[in-house]
Amino acid sequence: MKRDVAFIESFEAEQNTQITSAEEARQRVYFERKENLVRDDASKAVIHPYPFAHLEYRKHSRLLVSNWGKKAGFDGGR
């Protein structure tokens, strides 16, 4: 039975192209997101007048979530 055998003294591995966590953090993009209550005439609002901020409570109300673009200061945007 004839077999081919090769002996390898050294080899070059492929370049490691994994992204490190530091590089991933630099590439991450943050967006400014705003949330607003959608008012409808069917639900009543209860206002809680706390000293530094007034809280508006509406049972089963809907939220409008909007994207306002890239946040300034995180990745050089705007």
N, C-alpha and C. Protein backbone atom coordinates (compact mmCIF):
# COMPACT_ATOMS: atom_id res chain seq x y z
N MET A 1 0.84 -1.17 0.00
CA MET A 1 0.00 0.00 0.00
C MET A 1 0.90 1.25 0.00
N LYS A 2 0.71 2.11 -0.98
CA LYS A 2 1.53 3.30 -1.11
C LYS A 2 0.77 4.50 -0.52
N ARG A 3 1.42 5.29 0.35
CA ARG A 3 0.80 6.48 0.95
C ARG A 3 1.71 7.69 0.72
N ASP A 4 1.07 8.84 0.44
CA ASP A 4 1.83 10.08 0.29
C ASP A 4 1.90 10.76 1.65
N VAL A 5 3.07 11.14 2.06
CA VAL A 5 3.27 11.79 3.35
C VAL A 5 4.03 13.08 3.11
N ALA A 6 3.60 14.15 3.80
CA ALA A 6 4.30 15.43 3.70
C ALA A 6 4.62 15.92 5.11
N PHE A 7 5.83 16.39 5.30
CA PHE A 7 6.24 16.96 6.57
C PHE A 7 6.33 18.47 6.41
N ILE A 8 5.68 19.20 7.29
CA ILE A 8 5.66 20.65 7.21
C ILE A 8 6.48 21.20 8.37
N GLU A 9 7.48 21.99 8.04
CA GLU A 9 8.32 22.57 9.08
C GLU A 9 7.70 23.83 9.67
N SER A 10 7.07 24.64 8.85
CA SER A 10 6.44 25.87 9.34
C SER A 10 5.35 26.30 8.37
N PHE A 11 4.44 27.10 8.87
CA PHE A 11 3.39 27.63 8.01
C PHE A 11 2.96 28.98 8.55
N GLU A 12 2.36 29.76 7.67
CA GLU A 12 1.86 31.07 8.06
C GLU A 12 0.36 30.99 8.22
N ALA A 13 -0.14 31.38 9.38
CA ALA A 13 -1.58 31.38 9.61
C ALA A 13 -2.20 32.60 8.95
N GLU A 14 -3.49 32.51 8.68
CA GLU A 14 -4.20 33.67 8.14
C GLU A 14 -4.22 34.77 9.18
N GLN A 15 -4.26 35.98 8.70
CA GLN A 15 -4.29 37.12 9.60
C GLN A 15 -5.58 37.11 10.41
N ASN A 16 -5.45 37.37 11.70
CA ASN A 16 -6.60 37.39 12.59
C ASN A 16 -7.38 38.68 12.34
N THR A 17 -8.61 38.56 11.85
CA THR A 17 -9.40 39.74 11.51
C THR A 17 -10.60 39.94 12.42
N GLN A 18 -10.54 39.36 13.61
CA GLN A 18 -11.65 39.56 14.53
C GLN A 18 -11.63 40.98 15.08
N ILE A 19 -12.80 41.52 15.32
CA ILE A 19 -12.93 42.87 15.85
C ILE A 19 -12.86 42.78 17.37
N THR A 20 -12.00 43.59 17.97
CA THR A 20 -11.91 43.60 19.44
C THR A 20 -13.05 44.43 20.00
N SER A 21 -13.27 44.31 21.29
CA SER A 21 -14.36 45.06 21.91
C SER A 21 -14.12 46.56 21.85
N ALA A 22 -12.86 46.99 21.90
CA ALA A 22 -12.54 48.42 21.80
C ALA A 22 -12.90 48.95 20.41
N GLU A 23 -12.56 48.17 19.38
CA GLU A 23 -12.89 48.59 18.01
C GLU A 23 -14.40 48.60 17.80
N GLU A 24 -15.07 47.61 18.38
CA GLU A 24 -16.53 47.56 18.26
C GLU A 24 -17.17 48.77 18.92
N ALA A 25 -16.65 49.18 20.08
CA ALA A 25 -17.19 50.36 20.77
C ALA A 25 -16.97 51.62 19.94
N ARG A 26 -15.84 51.72 19.26
CA ARG A 26 -15.59 52.90 18.40
C ARG A 26 -16.52 52.92 17.21
N GLN A 27 -16.91 51.76 16.69
CA GLN A 27 -17.77 51.67 15.52
C GLN A 27 -19.25 51.82 15.87
N ARG A 28 -19.59 51.70 17.14
CA ARG A 28 -20.99 51.74 17.55
C ARG A 28 -21.56 53.14 17.31
N VAL A 29 -22.76 53.20 16.81
CA VAL A 29 -23.43 54.46 16.51
C VAL A 29 -24.63 54.59 17.45
N TYR A 30 -24.76 55.74 18.07
CA TYR A 30 -25.87 56.00 18.97
C TYR A 30 -26.84 56.98 18.32
N PHE A 31 -28.12 56.73 18.48
CA PHE A 31 -29.15 57.58 17.90
C PHE A 31 -29.97 58.22 19.01
N GLU A 32 -30.39 59.44 18.77
CA GLU A 32 -31.26 60.13 19.74
C GLU A 32 -32.69 59.67 19.50
N ARG A 33 -33.31 59.24 20.56
CA ARG A 33 -34.66 58.69 20.48
C ARG A 33 -35.56 59.50 21.40
N LYS A 34 -36.72 59.88 20.93
CA LYS A 34 -37.67 60.63 21.75
C LYS A 34 -38.98 59.87 21.83
N GLU A 35 -39.59 59.92 23.00
CA GLU A 35 -40.86 59.23 23.24
C GLU A 35 -41.89 60.27 23.66
N ASN A 36 -43.07 60.21 23.06
CA ASN A 36 -44.15 61.14 23.38
C ASN A 36 -45.46 60.38 23.54
N LEU A 37 -46.29 60.86 24.43
CA LEU A 37 -47.63 60.30 24.58
C LEU A 37 -48.51 60.77 23.43
N VAL A 38 -49.29 59.88 22.87
CA VAL A 38 -50.25 60.26 21.84
C VAL A 38 -51.58 60.47 22.56
N ARG A 39 -52.03 61.70 22.53
CA ARG A 39 -53.26 62.04 23.25
C ARG A 39 -54.48 61.72 22.41
N ASP A 40 -55.45 61.13 23.05
CA ASP A 40 -56.74 60.93 22.41
C ASP A 40 -57.82 61.39 23.39
N ASP A 41 -58.95 61.76 22.84
CA ASP A 41 -60.02 62.33 23.68
C ASP A 41 -60.70 61.29 24.56
N ALA A 42 -60.53 60.02 24.26
CA ALA A 42 -61.22 58.97 25.01
C ALA A 42 -60.62 58.75 26.40
N SER A 43 -59.31 58.92 26.55
CA SER A 43 -58.69 58.67 27.85
C SER A 43 -58.45 59.97 28.60
N LYS A 44 -58.66 59.92 29.89
CA LYS A 44 -58.45 61.10 30.73
C LYS A 44 -57.06 61.05 31.33
N ALA A 45 -56.48 62.22 31.51
CA ALA A 45 -55.14 62.32 32.08
C ALA A 45 -55.23 62.72 33.54
N VAL A 46 -54.35 62.14 34.33
CA VAL A 46 -54.21 62.51 35.73
C VAL A 46 -52.84 63.15 35.87
N ILE A 47 -52.81 64.40 36.35
CA ILE A 47 -51.56 65.12 36.51
C ILE A 47 -51.14 65.05 37.98
N HIS A 48 -49.90 64.58 38.20
CA HIS A 48 -49.33 64.53 39.54
C HIS A 48 -48.30 65.66 39.64
N PRO A 49 -48.60 66.72 40.39
CA PRO A 49 -47.70 67.89 40.43
C PRO A 49 -46.54 67.71 41.43
N TYR A 50 -45.54 66.95 41.05
CA TYR A 50 -44.37 66.78 41.90
C TYR A 50 -43.54 68.05 41.87
N PRO A 51 -42.72 68.31 42.91
CA PRO A 51 -42.00 69.59 43.01
C PRO A 51 -41.14 69.97 41.80
N PHE A 52 -40.40 69.03 41.22
CA PHE A 52 -39.48 69.41 40.14
C PHE A 52 -39.94 68.96 38.75
N ALA A 53 -40.95 68.10 38.71
CA ALA A 53 -41.46 67.64 37.41
C ALA A 53 -42.90 67.18 37.58
N HIS A 54 -43.73 67.56 36.64
CA HIS A 54 -45.12 67.12 36.67
C HIS A 54 -45.23 65.81 35.90
N LEU A 55 -45.93 64.86 36.47
CA LEU A 55 -46.11 63.55 35.85
C LEU A 55 -47.52 63.45 35.31
N GLU A 56 -47.63 63.06 34.05
CA GLU A 56 -48.93 62.88 33.41
C GLU A 56 -49.19 61.39 33.24
N TYR A 57 -50.28 60.91 33.79
CA TYR A 57 -50.63 59.49 33.70
C TYR A 57 -51.88 59.34 32.85
N ARG A 58 -51.79 58.51 31.83
CA ARG A 58 -52.94 58.18 30.98
C ARG A 58 -52.99 56.67 30.85
N LYS A 59 -54.08 56.09 31.31
CA LYS A 59 -54.23 54.65 31.27
C LYS A 59 -54.39 54.17 29.83
N HIS A 60 -53.63 53.16 29.46
CA HIS A 60 -53.67 52.54 28.12
C HIS A 60 -53.44 53.54 26.99
N SER A 61 -52.57 54.49 27.20
CA SER A 61 -52.29 55.43 26.11
C SER A 61 -51.22 54.86 25.19
N ARG A 62 -51.09 55.46 24.03
CA ARG A 62 -50.11 55.02 23.05
C ARG A 62 -48.87 55.91 23.11
N LEU A 63 -47.73 55.32 22.76
CA LEU A 63 -46.47 56.07 22.72
C LEU A 63 -46.03 56.24 21.28
N LEU A 64 -45.52 57.41 20.97
CA LEU A 64 -44.89 57.66 19.68
C LEU A 64 -43.39 57.70 19.94
N VAL A 65 -42.65 56.76 19.37
CA VAL A 65 -41.19 56.71 19.51
C VAL A 65 -40.59 57.13 18.18
N SER A 66 -39.75 58.16 18.22
CA SER A 66 -39.17 58.68 16.97
C SER A 66 -37.65 58.73 17.06
N ASN A 67 -37.02 58.55 15.92
CA ASN A 67 -35.56 58.57 15.80
C ASN A 67 -35.17 59.95 15.29
N TRP A 68 -34.32 60.66 16.04
CA TRP A 68 -33.91 62.02 15.69
C TRP A 68 -32.49 62.07 15.12
N GLY A 69 -31.98 60.94 14.67
CA GLY A 69 -30.65 60.92 14.04
C GLY A 69 -29.56 60.60 15.04
N LYS A 70 -28.33 60.70 14.58
CA LYS A 70 -27.17 60.36 15.40
C LYS A 70 -27.03 61.33 16.57
N LYS A 71 -26.63 60.79 17.72
CA LYS A 71 -26.37 61.62 18.89
C LYS A 71 -25.03 62.31 18.71
N ALA A 72 -24.98 63.58 19.03
CA ALA A 72 -23.74 64.34 18.93
C ALA A 72 -22.81 63.96 20.08
N GLY A 73 -21.52 63.90 19.77
CA GLY A 73 -20.53 63.67 20.82
C GLY A 73 -20.11 62.24 21.01
N PHE A 74 -20.88 61.27 20.55
CA PHE A 74 -20.50 59.87 20.74
C PHE A 74 -19.56 59.37 19.66
N ASP A 75 -19.83 59.72 18.42
CA ASP A 75 -18.99 59.22 17.33
C ASP A 75 -18.63 60.31 16.33
N GLY A 76 -18.67 61.56 16.78
CA GLY A 76 -18.32 62.66 15.90
C GLY A 76 -19.45 63.14 15.03
N GLY A 77 -20.64 62.58 15.21
CA GLY A 77 -21.79 63.02 14.43
C GLY A 77 -22.27 64.38 14.89
N ARG A 78 -22.89 65.11 13.99
CA ARG A 78 -23.46 66.44 14.21
C ARG A 78 -22.71 67.29 15.19
